[in-house]
Amino acid sequence: MAAYLIAQVDVHDPETYKKYTAGVPATLDKYGGTFRVRGGAVTPKEGGWEPKRLVVIEFPDMAALNRWYDSPEYQKIIGIRHDASEGQMIFVEGA
């Protein structure tokens, strides 16, 4: 069953964040990760939720998603995201 990383991100240092976004794609292939949403316009409809940036990445299953997140490749760049942004992230299984 597919699994998804869903993140809402508030970038406060765009130049540093660009280093992170440039590095992420190379970490995904080995784990079958594919961007489904990467930024783009957000149109709030209900509940007052107005995220500045949304990211959705699909993986073949939850195990692959967790392997990617814990991988040395991703852990090497995660600090860049922490330095450049604030946000929330969840992992969820698909239907």
N, C-alpha and C. Protein backbone atom coordinates (compact mmCIF):
# COMPACT_ATOMS: atom_id res chain seq x y z
N MET A 1 0.84 -1.17 0.00
CA MET A 1 0.00 0.00 0.00
C MET A 1 0.89 1.24 0.00
N ALA A 2 0.59 2.19 -0.87
CA ALA A 2 1.38 3.42 -0.95
C ALA A 2 1.35 4.16 0.38
N ALA A 3 2.41 4.91 0.62
CA ALA A 3 2.50 5.76 1.80
C ALA A 3 2.94 7.15 1.36
N TYR A 4 2.50 8.14 2.11
CA TYR A 4 2.74 9.53 1.74
C TYR A 4 3.36 10.32 2.88
N LEU A 5 4.34 11.13 2.54
CA LEU A 5 4.83 12.16 3.43
C LEU A 5 4.05 13.42 3.07
N ILE A 6 3.45 14.05 4.07
CA ILE A 6 2.74 15.30 3.86
C ILE A 6 3.37 16.31 4.82
N ALA A 7 3.84 17.42 4.25
CA ALA A 7 4.50 18.44 5.06
C ALA A 7 3.95 19.81 4.72
N GLN A 8 3.80 20.61 5.75
CA GLN A 8 3.50 22.03 5.56
C GLN A 8 4.73 22.76 6.05
N VAL A 9 5.22 23.69 5.24
CA VAL A 9 6.51 24.32 5.50
C VAL A 9 6.38 25.84 5.42
N ASP A 10 6.99 26.51 6.37
CA ASP A 10 7.10 27.97 6.36
C ASP A 10 8.59 28.29 6.24
N VAL A 11 9.00 28.69 5.06
CA VAL A 11 10.42 28.96 4.78
C VAL A 11 10.76 30.38 5.24
N HIS A 12 11.77 30.50 6.10
CA HIS A 12 12.21 31.82 6.56
C HIS A 12 13.58 32.21 6.01
N ASP A 13 14.26 31.27 5.35
CA ASP A 13 15.56 31.55 4.71
C ASP A 13 15.56 30.88 3.34
N PRO A 14 14.98 31.55 2.34
CA PRO A 14 14.83 30.93 1.01
C PRO A 14 16.14 30.49 0.37
N GLU A 15 17.20 31.24 0.54
CA GLU A 15 18.47 30.87 -0.09
C GLU A 15 19.01 29.55 0.48
N THR A 16 18.95 29.41 1.77
CA THR A 16 19.40 28.16 2.39
C THR A 16 18.45 27.02 2.04
N TYR A 17 17.15 27.29 2.03
CA TYR A 17 16.16 26.26 1.70
C TYR A 17 16.36 25.72 0.29
N LYS A 18 16.82 26.55 -0.63
CA LYS A 18 17.11 26.09 -2.00
C LYS A 18 18.16 24.99 -2.01
N LYS A 19 19.12 25.05 -1.09
CA LYS A 19 20.13 23.99 -1.00
C LYS A 19 19.47 22.67 -0.60
N TYR A 20 18.51 22.74 0.30
CA TYR A 20 17.78 21.54 0.72
C TYR A 20 16.96 20.98 -0.44
N THR A 21 16.17 21.84 -1.09
CA THR A 21 15.31 21.35 -2.18
C THR A 21 16.12 20.84 -3.36
N ALA A 22 17.32 21.35 -3.54
CA ALA A 22 18.18 20.85 -4.61
C ALA A 22 18.72 19.46 -4.27
N GLY A 23 18.88 19.17 -2.99
CA GLY A 23 19.44 17.89 -2.57
C GLY A 23 18.45 16.75 -2.42
N VAL A 24 17.19 17.06 -2.17
CA VAL A 24 16.20 16.02 -1.89
C VAL A 24 15.98 15.04 -3.04
N PRO A 25 15.78 15.50 -4.29
CA PRO A 25 15.45 14.54 -5.36
C PRO A 25 16.44 13.38 -5.48
N ALA A 26 17.71 13.62 -5.31
CA ALA A 26 18.70 12.55 -5.42
C ALA A 26 18.56 11.51 -4.32
N THR A 27 17.91 11.86 -3.21
CA THR A 27 17.75 10.90 -2.12
C THR A 27 16.53 10.01 -2.30
N LEU A 28 15.62 10.38 -3.20
CA LEU A 28 14.33 9.68 -3.32
C LEU A 28 14.37 8.42 -4.16
N ASP A 29 15.11 8.43 -5.26
CA ASP A 29 15.06 7.34 -6.24
C ASP A 29 15.27 5.96 -5.63
N LYS A 30 16.28 5.83 -4.81
CA LYS A 30 16.64 4.54 -4.20
C LYS A 30 15.48 3.94 -3.40
N TYR A 31 14.58 4.80 -2.90
CA TYR A 31 13.49 4.35 -2.04
C TYR A 31 12.13 4.43 -2.73
N GLY A 32 12.13 4.75 -4.02
CA GLY A 32 10.89 4.79 -4.79
C GLY A 32 10.04 6.01 -4.53
N GLY A 33 10.63 7.07 -3.99
CA GLY A 33 9.88 8.28 -3.69
C GLY A 33 9.62 9.14 -4.91
N THR A 34 8.42 9.70 -5.00
CA THR A 34 8.02 10.56 -6.12
C THR A 34 7.25 11.76 -5.58
N PHE A 35 7.68 12.95 -5.98
CA PHE A 35 6.93 14.14 -5.60
C PHE A 35 5.56 14.12 -6.25
N ARG A 36 4.52 14.39 -5.47
CA ARG A 36 3.16 14.57 -5.98
C ARG A 36 2.73 16.03 -5.86
N VAL A 37 3.23 16.69 -4.83
CA VAL A 37 3.02 18.13 -4.65
C VAL A 37 4.33 18.69 -4.14
N ARG A 38 4.77 19.78 -4.75
CA ARG A 38 6.02 20.40 -4.30
C ARG A 38 5.87 21.91 -4.44
N GLY A 39 5.34 22.52 -3.39
CA GLY A 39 5.07 23.95 -3.47
C GLY A 39 3.79 24.16 -4.26
N GLY A 40 3.76 25.18 -5.06
CA GLY A 40 2.57 25.45 -5.86
C GLY A 40 1.54 26.25 -5.09
N ALA A 41 0.58 26.74 -5.82
CA ALA A 41 -0.47 27.57 -5.23
C ALA A 41 -1.37 26.74 -4.31
N VAL A 42 -1.73 27.31 -3.19
CA VAL A 42 -2.63 26.69 -2.23
C VAL A 42 -3.91 27.53 -2.18
N THR A 43 -5.06 26.87 -2.29
CA THR A 43 -6.34 27.56 -2.24
C THR A 43 -7.13 27.06 -1.03
N PRO A 44 -7.12 27.80 0.08
CA PRO A 44 -7.87 27.37 1.26
C PRO A 44 -9.38 27.32 0.97
N LYS A 45 -10.05 26.29 1.47
CA LYS A 45 -11.49 26.14 1.27
C LYS A 45 -12.26 26.05 2.58
N GLU A 46 -11.72 25.34 3.57
CA GLU A 46 -12.44 25.16 4.83
C GLU A 46 -11.46 25.18 6.00
N GLY A 47 -11.96 25.61 7.13
CA GLY A 47 -11.23 25.46 8.38
C GLY A 47 -10.13 26.47 8.66
N GLY A 48 -9.91 27.41 7.78
CA GLY A 48 -8.90 28.42 8.04
C GLY A 48 -7.46 27.96 7.90
N TRP A 49 -7.24 26.80 7.31
CA TRP A 49 -5.88 26.29 7.11
C TRP A 49 -5.28 27.00 5.92
N GLU A 50 -4.17 27.72 6.13
CA GLU A 50 -3.52 28.46 5.06
C GLU A 50 -2.02 28.20 5.06
N PRO A 51 -1.61 27.00 4.71
CA PRO A 51 -0.18 26.70 4.68
C PRO A 51 0.53 27.53 3.61
N LYS A 52 1.75 27.91 3.90
CA LYS A 52 2.52 28.68 2.93
C LYS A 52 3.08 27.78 1.83
N ARG A 53 3.47 26.58 2.19
CA ARG A 53 4.04 25.64 1.23
C ARG A 53 3.64 24.23 1.65
N LEU A 54 3.16 23.43 0.70
CA LEU A 54 2.82 22.03 0.96
C LEU A 54 3.70 21.13 0.11
N VAL A 55 4.06 20.00 0.69
CA VAL A 55 4.84 18.99 -0.02
C VAL A 55 4.18 17.65 0.24
N VAL A 56 3.98 16.87 -0.83
CA VAL A 56 3.49 15.50 -0.73
C VAL A 56 4.43 14.63 -1.54
N ILE A 57 4.99 13.60 -0.90
CA ILE A 57 5.86 12.65 -1.58
C ILE A 57 5.27 11.27 -1.40
N GLU A 58 5.12 10.54 -2.49
CA GLU A 58 4.58 9.18 -2.47
C GLU A 58 5.71 8.16 -2.47
N PHE A 59 5.55 7.12 -1.66
CA PHE A 59 6.48 6.00 -1.60
C PHE A 59 5.70 4.71 -1.81
N PRO A 60 6.37 3.64 -2.22
CA PRO A 60 5.66 2.37 -2.46
C PRO A 60 4.93 1.84 -1.23
N ASP A 61 5.51 2.08 -0.05
CA ASP A 61 4.90 1.60 1.19
C ASP A 61 5.53 2.35 2.37
N MET A 62 4.98 2.14 3.54
CA MET A 62 5.46 2.83 4.73
C MET A 62 6.90 2.45 5.07
N ALA A 63 7.27 1.21 4.83
CA ALA A 63 8.64 0.78 5.11
C ALA A 63 9.63 1.57 4.26
N ALA A 64 9.32 1.75 2.98
CA ALA A 64 10.21 2.51 2.10
C ALA A 64 10.30 3.97 2.55
N LEU A 65 9.18 4.54 2.95
CA LEU A 65 9.17 5.93 3.43
C LEU A 65 10.05 6.07 4.67
N ASN A 66 9.92 5.16 5.61
CA ASN A 66 10.75 5.22 6.82
C ASN A 66 12.22 4.97 6.52
N ARG A 67 12.51 4.05 5.59
CA ARG A 67 13.91 3.82 5.20
C ARG A 67 14.50 5.09 4.59
N TRP A 68 13.73 5.77 3.74
CA TRP A 68 14.22 7.02 3.13
C TRP A 68 14.49 8.06 4.22
N TYR A 69 13.51 8.28 5.09
CA TYR A 69 13.66 9.32 6.11
C TYR A 69 14.88 9.06 7.00
N ASP A 70 15.12 7.81 7.34
CA ASP A 70 16.24 7.44 8.22
C ASP A 70 17.55 7.25 7.47
N SER A 71 17.53 7.34 6.14
CA SER A 71 18.72 7.05 5.34
C SER A 71 19.84 8.06 5.58
N PRO A 72 21.08 7.62 5.43
CA PRO A 72 22.20 8.55 5.56
C PRO A 72 22.12 9.69 4.55
N GLU A 73 21.61 9.39 3.36
CA GLU A 73 21.51 10.42 2.32
C GLU A 73 20.59 11.56 2.75
N TYR A 74 19.43 11.20 3.29
CA TYR A 74 18.49 12.24 3.71
C TYR A 74 18.93 12.90 5.01
N GLN A 75 19.40 12.12 5.96
CA GLN A 75 19.83 12.69 7.23
C GLN A 75 20.97 13.69 7.05
N LYS A 76 21.74 13.51 5.99
CA LYS A 76 22.85 14.42 5.69
C LYS A 76 22.35 15.84 5.39
N ILE A 77 21.13 15.97 4.82
CA ILE A 77 20.63 17.29 4.42
C ILE A 77 19.47 17.80 5.29
N ILE A 78 18.96 16.99 6.18
CA ILE A 78 17.79 17.39 6.96
C ILE A 78 18.06 18.64 7.81
N GLY A 79 19.28 18.80 8.27
CA GLY A 79 19.62 19.98 9.06
C GLY A 79 19.47 21.28 8.29
N ILE A 80 19.66 21.22 6.98
CA ILE A 80 19.48 22.41 6.14
C ILE A 80 18.02 22.86 6.22
N ARG A 81 17.10 21.89 6.13
CA ARG A 81 15.67 22.22 6.24
C ARG A 81 15.37 22.82 7.60
N HIS A 82 15.90 22.22 8.65
CA HIS A 82 15.65 22.73 10.00
C HIS A 82 16.17 24.15 10.17
N ASP A 83 17.32 24.45 9.56
CA ASP A 83 17.89 25.79 9.66
C ASP A 83 17.11 26.84 8.87
N ALA A 84 16.47 26.42 7.78
CA ALA A 84 15.85 27.37 6.85
C ALA A 84 14.33 27.49 6.97
N SER A 85 13.71 26.61 7.77
CA SER A 85 12.25 26.60 7.78
C SER A 85 11.70 26.05 9.09
N GLU A 86 10.41 26.25 9.27
CA GLU A 86 9.64 25.63 10.35
C GLU A 86 8.52 24.87 9.67
N GLY A 87 8.04 23.81 10.29
CA GLY A 87 6.93 23.10 9.66
C GLY A 87 6.49 21.89 10.44
N GLN A 88 5.52 21.21 9.85
CA GLN A 88 4.99 19.97 10.40
C GLN A 88 5.03 18.92 9.30
N MET A 89 5.18 17.67 9.71
CA MET A 89 5.26 16.56 8.76
C MET A 89 4.55 15.35 9.34
N ILE A 90 3.81 14.66 8.48
CA ILE A 90 3.19 13.40 8.87
C ILE A 90 3.46 12.36 7.80
N PHE A 91 3.42 11.10 8.18
CA PHE A 91 3.45 9.97 7.25
C PHE A 91 2.08 9.31 7.32
N VAL A 92 1.48 9.00 6.18
CA VAL A 92 0.15 8.41 6.16
C VAL A 92 0.08 7.34 5.07
N GLU A 93 -0.61 6.23 5.37
CA GLU A 93 -0.82 5.19 4.38
C GLU A 93 -1.95 5.59 3.45
N GLY A 94 -1.80 5.23 2.17
CA GLY A 94 -2.83 5.53 1.19
C GLY A 94 -3.95 4.50 1.21
N ALA A 95 -4.93 4.73 0.37
CA ALA A 95 -6.09 3.83 0.28
C ALA A 95 -5.78 2.65 -0.62
